[in-house]
Amino acid sequence: MKVIELVSYRPLIITIGEEAASELSTFDAGAAYTRYLHDQAGGFPSIPLGDVVEVGRESVNPRSPRHAEVDFEYVDLREVDDIHGQVLTFRRVRGAQIGSTKVRFRKGDILFARIMPSLANKKIALVTQDVTNAVASTEFIVLRPKRDSAIDSHFLFRALRSDPFTEQAVANVTGASGRQRLSPAVLLSLRIPRPPEPLQQELSLVVAREFTLRSDAAELTKQADDLAVALVGTTTLRTARY
């Protein structure tokens, strides 16, 4: 059955028929919701991504004499969760221990993985945490909403993680197999849907609430872990995800 039905958007609950589900490369609620809206409205106008965002280009060499003894909040591909699009952890690293030039980012930016297969796996994160001296691997393109743009960062985040946008990005990578990348210029030329403002705001509210709930859950998990360690010792085995 080729149908996507909206049950509720607060909370966001969607039912997906078997045929429709087979056309989605990921069970991402945002992607399914976008597809549902397209089915209902007959498609929305699209605009180049570069109309609403700019690329953060400020870089820093952490190993330089000026920064070698400075602590950075460092993020590479391992620190981004490809399921929910969050930075899992910010590593506190002394500049002298960071290997090469990195790109700066701040709260509200979106980190977009430019290298395959991370790009295809949606290694895209919206930075919702407060950061003071944050740098990321140059395998990320830092996207920052333009000051004169009315687009909401939560809506933009979901638009970038949608299957149609991922398909555009993957189709435009260049380079040898295994090291294929997307250039910032090409990324800005790709198109995102621009639904009416009320629909953008509706999705943005849902996504913002999702991030808040996940942050609250993470804090409760940390409190439980700390208490468990104090009372009975380490109880959880964590493994790194790449």
C-alpha atoms as a PDB file:
ATOM      1  CA  MET A   1       0.000   0.000   0.000  1.00  0.00           C
ATOM      2  CA  LYS A   2       1.609   3.243  -1.169  1.00  0.00           C
ATOM      3  CA  VAL A   3       0.481   5.714   1.444  1.00  0.00           C
ATOM      4  CA  ILE A   4       1.909   7.874   4.218  1.00  0.00           C
ATOM      5  CA  GLU A   5      -0.592   9.135   6.769  1.00  0.00           C
ATOM      6  CA  LEU A   6      -0.116  11.741   9.470  1.00  0.00           C
ATOM      7  CA  VAL A   7      -1.574  10.503  12.765  1.00  0.00           C
ATOM      8  CA  SER A   8      -0.325  13.363  14.945  1.00  0.00           C
ATOM      9  CA  TYR A   9       2.341  16.047  14.767  1.00  0.00           C
ATOM     10  CA  ARG A  10       2.502  16.758  18.523  1.00  0.00           C
ATOM     11  CA  PRO A  11       4.010  14.227  19.040  1.00  0.00           C
ATOM     12  CA  LEU A  12       4.952  13.430  15.440  1.00  0.00           C
ATOM     13  CA  ILE A  13       3.390  10.051  14.570  1.00  0.00           C
ATOM     14  CA  ILE A  14       3.318   8.798  11.001  1.00  0.00           C
ATOM     15  CA  THR A  15       2.124   5.516   9.515  1.00  0.00           C
ATOM     16  CA  ILE A  16       3.865   4.310   6.368  1.00  0.00           C
ATOM     17  CA  GLY A  17       2.493   1.715   3.958  1.00  0.00           C
ATOM     18  CA  GLU A  18       4.787  -1.095   2.854  1.00  0.00           C
ATOM     19  CA  GLU A  19       5.210   0.222  -0.700  1.00  0.00           C
ATOM     20  CA  ALA A  20       5.892   3.780   0.483  1.00  0.00           C
ATOM     21  CA  ALA A  21       8.370   2.500   3.074  1.00  0.00           C
ATOM     22  CA  SER A  22      10.323   0.677   0.366  1.00  0.00           C
ATOM     23  CA  GLU A  23      10.914   4.024  -1.361  1.00  0.00           C
ATOM     24  CA  LEU A  24      12.529   5.604   1.716  1.00  0.00           C
ATOM     25  CA  SER A  25      16.212   4.823   2.195  1.00  0.00           C
ATOM     26  CA  THR A  26      15.942   5.606   5.913  1.00  0.00           C
ATOM     27  CA  PHE A  27      13.157   5.542   8.480  1.00  0.00           C
ATOM     28  CA  ASP A  28      13.690   9.172   9.394  1.00  0.00           C
ATOM     29  CA  ALA A  29      10.513  10.786  10.729  1.00  0.00           C
ATOM     30  CA  GLY A  30      11.464  14.141   9.245  1.00  0.00           C
ATOM     31  CA  ALA A  31      12.038  12.625   5.799  1.00  0.00           C
ATOM     32  CA  ALA A  32       8.746  10.717   5.952  1.00  0.00           C
ATOM     33  CA  TYR A  33       6.908  13.855   7.091  1.00  0.00           C
ATOM     34  CA  THR A  34       8.411  15.878   4.241  1.00  0.00           C
ATOM     35  CA  ARG A  35       7.342  13.197   1.764  1.00  0.00           C
ATOM     36  CA  TYR A  36       3.841  13.259   3.279  1.00  0.00           C
ATOM     37  CA  LEU A  37       3.623  17.031   2.854  1.00  0.00           C
ATOM     38  CA  HIS A  38       4.785  16.772  -0.745  1.00  0.00           C
ATOM     39  CA  ASP A  39       2.060  14.204  -1.415  1.00  0.00           C
ATOM     40  CA  GLN A  40      -0.553  16.491   0.109  1.00  0.00           C
ATOM     41  CA  ALA A  41       0.552  19.777  -1.430  1.00  0.00           C
ATOM     42  CA  GLY A  42       1.779  18.478  -4.760  1.00  0.00           C
ATOM     43  CA  GLY A  43       5.357  19.592  -4.133  1.00  0.00           C
ATOM     44  CA  PHE A  44       6.837  22.866  -2.949  1.00  0.00           C
ATOM     45  CA  PRO A  45       9.031  25.455  -4.647  1.00  0.00           C
ATOM     46  CA  SER A  46      12.737  24.852  -4.152  1.00  0.00           C
ATOM     47  CA  ILE A  47      15.634  27.264  -3.722  1.00  0.00           C
ATOM     48  CA  PRO A  48      19.437  26.902  -3.783  1.00  0.00           C
ATOM     49  CA  LEU A  49      20.820  26.192  -0.331  1.00  0.00           C
ATOM     50  CA  GLY A  50      23.178  29.145  -0.807  1.00  0.00           C
ATOM     51  CA  ASP A  51      20.198  31.520  -0.702  1.00  0.00           C
ATOM     52  CA  VAL A  52      19.740  30.893   3.027  1.00  0.00           C
ATOM     53  CA  VAL A  53      23.113  29.755   4.408  1.00  0.00           C
ATOM     54  CA  GLU A  54      26.775  30.610   4.137  1.00  0.00           C
ATOM     55  CA  VAL A  55      29.841  28.460   4.714  1.00  0.00           C
ATOM     56  CA  GLY A  56      31.816  29.056   7.896  1.00  0.00           C
ATOM     57  CA  ARG A  57      35.381  29.396   6.653  1.00  0.00           C
ATOM     58  CA  GLU A  58      37.297  30.473   9.759  1.00  0.00           C
ATOM     59  CA  SER A  59      40.075  27.967  10.354  1.00  0.00           C
ATOM     60  CA  VAL A  60      42.757  27.559  12.990  1.00  0.00           C
ATOM     61  CA  ASN A  61      45.991  25.609  13.308  1.00  0.00           C
ATOM     62  CA  PRO A  62      45.746  24.268  16.882  1.00  0.00           C
ATOM     63  CA  ARG A  63      49.403  23.207  16.915  1.00  0.00           C
ATOM     64  CA  SER A  64      50.701  26.711  16.238  1.00  0.00           C
ATOM     65  CA  PRO A  65      52.622  28.383  19.098  1.00  0.00           C
ATOM     66  CA  ARG A  66      49.653  30.661  19.717  1.00  0.00           C
ATOM     67  CA  HIS A  67      47.209  27.779  20.267  1.00  0.00           C
ATOM     68  CA  ALA A  68      49.323  24.792  21.317  1.00  0.00           C
ATOM     69  CA  GLU A  69      48.505  25.166  25.037  1.00  0.00           C
ATOM     70  CA  VAL A  70      44.856  26.140  24.507  1.00  0.00           C
ATOM     71  CA  ASP A  71      41.992  23.705  25.157  1.00  0.00           C
ATOM     72  CA  PHE A  72      39.576  23.139  22.279  1.00  0.00           C
ATOM     73  CA  GLU A  73      36.167  21.469  22.030  1.00  0.00           C
ATOM     74  CA  TYR A  74      36.957  19.094  19.183  1.00  0.00           C
ATOM     75  CA  VAL A  75      34.554  17.164  16.944  1.00  0.00           C
ATOM     76  CA  ASP A  76      35.351  14.730  14.161  1.00  0.00           C
ATOM     77  CA  LEU A  77      33.176  12.223  12.299  1.00  0.00           C
ATOM     78  CA  ARG A  78      33.108   9.843  15.271  1.00  0.00           C
ATOM     79  CA  GLU A  79      31.401  12.386  17.501  1.00  0.00           C
ATOM     80  CA  VAL A  80      28.340  12.842  15.272  1.00  0.00           C
ATOM     81  CA  ASP A  81      25.392  10.494  15.632  1.00  0.00           C
ATOM     82  CA  ASP A  82      24.112   9.628  12.158  1.00  0.00           C
ATOM     83  CA  ILE A  83      20.724   8.488  13.509  1.00  0.00           C
ATOM     84  CA  HIS A  84      19.592  11.646  15.311  1.00  0.00           C
ATOM     85  CA  GLY A  85      22.018  14.254  14.012  1.00  0.00           C
ATOM     86  CA  GLN A  86      23.521  15.309  17.316  1.00  0.00           C
ATOM     87  CA  VAL A  87      27.069  15.811  18.482  1.00  0.00           C
ATOM     88  CA  LEU A  88      27.423  12.955  20.954  1.00  0.00           C
ATOM     89  CA  THR A  89      30.331  14.455  22.827  1.00  0.00           C
ATOM     90  CA  PHE A  90      32.771  17.343  22.626  1.00  0.00           C
ATOM     91  CA  ARG A  91      36.305  16.150  23.299  1.00  0.00           C
ATOM     92  CA  ARG A  92      38.388  18.569  25.365  1.00  0.00           C
ATOM     93  CA  VAL A  93      41.740  18.435  23.589  1.00  0.00           C
ATOM     94  CA  ARG A  94      44.867  20.554  24.001  1.00  0.00           C
ATOM     95  CA  GLY A  95      45.853  22.288  20.761  1.00  0.00           C
ATOM     96  CA  ALA A  96      49.254  20.567  20.594  1.00  0.00           C
ATOM     97  CA  GLN A  97      47.450  17.188  20.453  1.00  0.00           C
ATOM     98  CA  ILE A  98      45.329  18.071  17.417  1.00  0.00           C
ATOM     99  CA  GLY A  99      46.980  17.021  14.208  1.00  0.00           C
ATOM    100  CA  SER A 100      46.224  19.696  11.640  1.00  0.00           C
ATOM    101  CA  THR A 101      44.232  22.783  10.702  1.00  0.00           C
ATOM    102  CA  LYS A 102      40.575  22.643  11.731  1.00  0.00           C
ATOM    103  CA  VAL A 103      37.466  24.715  11.037  1.00  0.00           C
ATOM    104  CA  ARG A 104      35.736  26.731  13.747  1.00  0.00           C
ATOM    105  CA  PHE A 105      32.023  26.428  14.502  1.00  0.00           C
ATOM    106  CA  ARG A 106      29.533  27.780  17.035  1.00  0.00           C
ATOM    107  CA  LYS A 107      26.096  27.132  18.474  1.00  0.00           C
ATOM    108  CA  GLY A 108      23.429  27.171  15.761  1.00  0.00           C
ATOM    109  CA  ASP A 109      25.757  25.933  13.012  1.00  0.00           C
ATOM    110  CA  ILE A 110      25.151  22.733  11.073  1.00  0.00           C
ATOM    111  CA  LEU A 111      28.080  20.347  10.561  1.00  0.00           C
ATOM    112  CA  PHE A 112      27.682  18.636   7.187  1.00  0.00           C
ATOM    113  CA  ALA A 113      29.947  15.655   6.433  1.00  0.00           C
ATOM    114  CA  ARG A 114      31.414  16.085   2.953  1.00  0.00           C
ATOM    115  CA  ILE A 115      33.162  12.723   2.496  1.00  0.00           C
ATOM    116  CA  MET A 116      31.660   9.387   1.455  1.00  0.00           C
ATOM    117  CA  PRO A 117      30.269   7.222   2.988  1.00  0.00           C
ATOM    118  CA  SER A 118      29.596   9.598   5.907  1.00  0.00           C
ATOM    119  CA  LEU A 119      27.695  11.915   3.562  1.00  0.00           C
ATOM    120  CA  ALA A 120      25.410   9.085   2.413  1.00  0.00           C
ATOM    121  CA  ASN A 121      24.966   8.023   6.051  1.00  0.00           C
ATOM    122  CA  LYS A 122      23.681  11.515   6.963  1.00  0.00           C
ATOM    123  CA  LYS A 123      26.491  12.551   9.290  1.00  0.00           C
ATOM    124  CA  ILE A 124      24.879  15.947   9.705  1.00  0.00           C
ATOM    125  CA  ALA A 125      24.580  17.629  13.103  1.00  0.00           C
ATOM    126  CA  LEU A 126      22.790  20.699  14.380  1.00  0.00           C
ATOM    127  CA  VAL A 127      24.891  22.228  17.158  1.00  0.00           C
ATOM    128  CA  THR A 128      22.470  23.024  19.989  1.00  0.00           C
ATOM    129  CA  GLN A 129      25.027  23.068  22.810  1.00  0.00           C
ATOM    130  CA  ASP A 130      26.840  26.131  24.098  1.00  0.00           C
ATOM    131  CA  VAL A 131      30.458  26.041  22.922  1.00  0.00           C
ATOM    132  CA  THR A 132      33.280  28.502  23.512  1.00  0.00           C
ATOM    133  CA  ASN A 133      36.298  27.337  21.484  1.00  0.00           C
ATOM    134  CA  ALA A 134      34.970  24.643  19.168  1.00  0.00           C
ATOM    135  CA  VAL A 135      36.708  23.200  16.115  1.00  0.00           C
ATOM    136  CA  ALA A 136      35.763  20.409  13.736  1.00  0.00           C
ATOM    137  CA  SER A 137      37.478  18.155  11.257  1.00  0.00           C
ATOM    138  CA  THR A 138      37.787  19.642   7.783  1.00  0.00           C
ATOM    139  CA  GLU A 139      35.748  16.644   6.604  1.00  0.00           C
ATOM    140  CA  PHE A 140      32.804  18.770   7.762  1.00  0.00           C
ATOM    141  CA  ILE A 141      31.426  21.779   5.926  1.00  0.00           C
ATOM    142  CA  VAL A 142      30.161  24.303   8.475  1.00  0.00           C
ATOM    143  CA  LEU A 143      26.810  25.780   7.420  1.00  0.00           C
ATOM    144  CA  ARG A 144      25.489  28.941   9.074  1.00  0.00           C
ATOM    145  CA  PRO A 145      22.070  30.545   8.396  1.00  0.00           C
ATOM    146  CA  LYS A 146      22.460  34.000   6.863  1.00  0.00           C
ATOM    147  CA  ARG A 147      21.497  36.919   9.072  1.00  0.00           C
ATOM    148  CA  ASP A 148      18.905  38.158   6.593  1.00  0.00           C
ATOM    149  CA  SER A 149      17.396  34.701   6.103  1.00  0.00           C
ATOM    150  CA  ALA A 150      14.074  33.909   7.741  1.00  0.00           C
ATOM    151  CA  ILE A 151      14.627  30.153   7.527  1.00  0.00           C
ATOM    152  CA  ASP A 152      14.616  28.302  10.844  1.00  0.00           C
ATOM    153  CA  SER A 153      17.697  26.192  11.643  1.00  0.00           C
ATOM    154  CA  HIS A 154      15.592  23.243  12.874  1.00  0.00           C
ATOM    155  CA  PHE A 155      13.651  23.140   9.609  1.00  0.00           C
ATOM    156  CA  LEU A 156      16.879  23.539   7.638  1.00  0.00           C
ATOM    157  CA  PHE A 157      18.472  20.677   9.564  1.00  0.00           C
ATOM    158  CA  ARG A 158      15.621  18.337   8.638  1.00  0.00           C
ATOM    159  CA  ALA A 159      15.636  19.486   5.027  1.00  0.00           C
ATOM    160  CA  LEU A 160      19.346  18.658   4.750  1.00  0.00           C
ATOM    161  CA  ARG A 161      18.764  15.198   6.237  1.00  0.00           C
ATOM    162  CA  SER A 162      15.899  14.351   3.892  1.00  0.00           C
ATOM    163  CA  ASP A 163      16.419  11.552   1.400  1.00  0.00           C
ATOM    164  CA  PRO A 164      15.923  13.781  -1.682  1.00  0.00           C
ATOM    165  CA  PHE A 165      18.668  16.156  -0.512  1.00  0.00           C
ATOM    166  CA  THR A 166      21.040  13.290   0.324  1.00  0.00           C
ATOM    167  CA  GLU A 167      20.454  11.858  -3.143  1.00  0.00           C
ATOM    168  CA  GLN A 168      21.395  15.222  -4.702  1.00  0.00           C
ATOM    169  CA  ALA A 169      24.548  15.447  -2.606  1.00  0.00           C
ATOM    170  CA  VAL A 170      25.715  11.899  -3.297  1.00  0.00           C
ATOM    171  CA  ALA A 171      25.174  12.396  -7.034  1.00  0.00           C
ATOM    172  CA  ASN A 172      27.558  15.385  -6.993  1.00  0.00           C
ATOM    173  CA  VAL A 173      30.613  14.048  -5.156  1.00  0.00           C
ATOM    174  CA  THR A 174      33.930  13.960  -6.985  1.00  0.00           C
ATOM    175  CA  GLY A 175      37.239  12.193  -6.502  1.00  0.00           C
ATOM    176  CA  ALA A 176      38.620   8.690  -6.457  1.00  0.00           C
ATOM    177  CA  SER A 177      36.497   5.864  -5.086  1.00  0.00           C
ATOM    178  CA  GLY A 178      36.809   5.676  -1.306  1.00  0.00           C
ATOM    179  CA  ARG A 179      37.796   9.363  -0.989  1.00  0.00           C
ATOM    180  CA  GLN A 180      34.905  11.032  -2.774  1.00  0.00           C
ATOM    181  CA  ARG A 181      33.916  14.442  -1.428  1.00  0.00           C
ATOM    182  CA  LEU A 182      31.357  17.190  -1.972  1.00  0.00           C
ATOM    183  CA  SER A 183      32.743  20.700  -2.461  1.00  0.00           C
ATOM    184  CA  PRO A 184      31.256  23.643  -0.505  1.00  0.00           C
ATOM    185  CA  ALA A 185      30.392  25.455  -3.751  1.00  0.00           C
ATOM    186  CA  VAL A 186      28.441  22.492  -5.085  1.00  0.00           C
ATOM    187  CA  LEU A 187      26.697  21.984  -1.734  1.00  0.00           C
ATOM    188  CA  LEU A 188      25.448  25.588  -1.805  1.00  0.00           C
ATOM    189  CA  SER A 189      24.078  25.036  -5.323  1.00  0.00           C
ATOM    190  CA  LEU A 190      21.885  22.108  -4.294  1.00  0.00           C
ATOM    191  CA  ARG A 191      18.202  22.809  -3.787  1.00  0.00           C
ATOM    192  CA  ILE A 192      16.004  22.528  -0.714  1.00  0.00           C
ATOM    193  CA  PRO A 193      12.190  22.711  -0.563  1.00  0.00           C
ATOM    194  CA  ARG A 194      10.626  25.958   0.644  1.00  0.00           C
ATOM    195  CA  PRO A 195       7.133  25.170   1.967  1.00  0.00           C
ATOM    196  CA  PRO A 196       4.881  27.929   3.340  1.00  0.00           C
ATOM    197  CA  GLU A 197       6.006  29.507   6.615  1.00  0.00           C
ATOM    198  CA  PRO A 198       3.280  27.844   8.769  1.00  0.00           C
ATOM    199  CA  LEU A 199       4.424  24.390   7.653  1.00  0.00           C
ATOM    200  CA  GLN A 200       8.081  25.273   8.244  1.00  0.00           C
ATOM    201  CA  GLN A 201       7.248  26.477  11.745  1.00  0.00           C
ATOM    202  CA  GLU A 202       5.218  23.357  12.467  1.00  0.00           C
ATOM    203  CA  LEU A 203       8.106  21.056  11.602  1.00  0.00           C
ATOM    204  CA  SER A 204      10.620  23.306  13.372  1.00  0.00           C
ATOM    205  CA  LEU A 205       8.654  23.110  16.632  1.00  0.00           C
ATOM    206  CA  VAL A 206       8.578  19.337  16.461  1.00  0.00           C
ATOM    207  CA  VAL A 207      12.313  19.067  15.763  1.00  0.00           C
ATOM    208  CA  ALA A 208      13.187  21.580  18.508  1.00  0.00           C
ATOM    209  CA  ARG A 209      11.116  19.578  20.976  1.00  0.00           C
ATOM    210  CA  GLU A 210      12.862  16.383  19.850  1.00  0.00           C
ATOM    211  CA  PHE A 211      16.280  17.889  20.618  1.00  0.00           C
ATOM    212  CA  THR A 212      15.123  19.163  24.021  1.00  0.00           C
ATOM    213  CA  LEU A 213      13.761  15.774  25.049  1.00  0.00           C
ATOM    214  CA  ARG A 214      16.901  13.983  23.916  1.00  0.00           C
ATOM    215  CA  SER A 215      19.123  16.421  25.823  1.00  0.00           C
ATOM    216  CA  ASP A 216      17.023  15.922  28.955  1.00  0.00           C
ATOM    217  CA  ALA A 217      17.287  12.155  28.554  1.00  0.00           C
ATOM    218  CA  ALA A 218      21.069  12.372  28.113  1.00  0.00           C
ATOM    219  CA  GLU A 219      21.405  14.388  31.321  1.00  0.00           C
ATOM    220  CA  LEU A 220      19.302  11.864  33.258  1.00  0.00           C
ATOM    221  CA  THR A 221      21.434   9.045  31.850  1.00  0.00           C
ATOM    222  CA  LYS A 222      24.605  10.809  32.997  1.00  0.00           C
ATOM    223  CA  GLN A 223      23.165  11.309  36.489  1.00  0.00           C
ATOM    224  CA  ALA A 224      22.212   7.626  36.663  1.00  0.00           C
ATOM    225  CA  ASP A 225      25.673   6.574  35.465  1.00  0.00           C
ATOM    226  CA  ASP A 226      27.430   8.800  37.992  1.00  0.00           C
ATOM    227  CA  LEU A 227      25.313   7.478  40.839  1.00  0.00           C
ATOM    228  CA  ALA A 228      25.769   3.861  39.729  1.00  0.00           C
ATOM    229  CA  VAL A 229      29.547   4.257  39.549  1.00  0.00           C
ATOM    230  CA  ALA A 230      29.595   5.782  43.029  1.00  0.00           C
ATOM    231  CA  LEU A 231      27.462   3.005  44.541  1.00  0.00           C
ATOM    232  CA  VAL A 232      28.282  -0.188  42.639  1.00  0.00           C
ATOM    233  CA  GLY A 233      31.076   0.593  40.186  1.00  0.00           C
ATOM    234  CA  THR A 234      31.081   0.844  36.409  1.00  0.00           C
ATOM    235  CA  THR A 235      28.008  -0.820  34.901  1.00  0.00           C
ATOM    236  CA  THR A 236      27.960   0.149  31.223  1.00  0.00           C
ATOM    237  CA  LEU A 237      30.231  -0.892  28.369  1.00  0.00           C
ATOM    238  CA  ARG A 238      30.423   1.773  25.667  1.00  0.00           C
ATOM    239  CA  THR A 239      31.892   1.207  22.246  1.00  0.00           C
ATOM    240  CA  ALA A 240      32.923   3.851  19.740  1.00  0.00           C
ATOM    241  CA  ARG A 241      30.846   4.373  16.586  1.00  0.00           C
ATOM    242  CA  TYR A 242      32.467   5.413  13.327  1.00  0.00           C
END
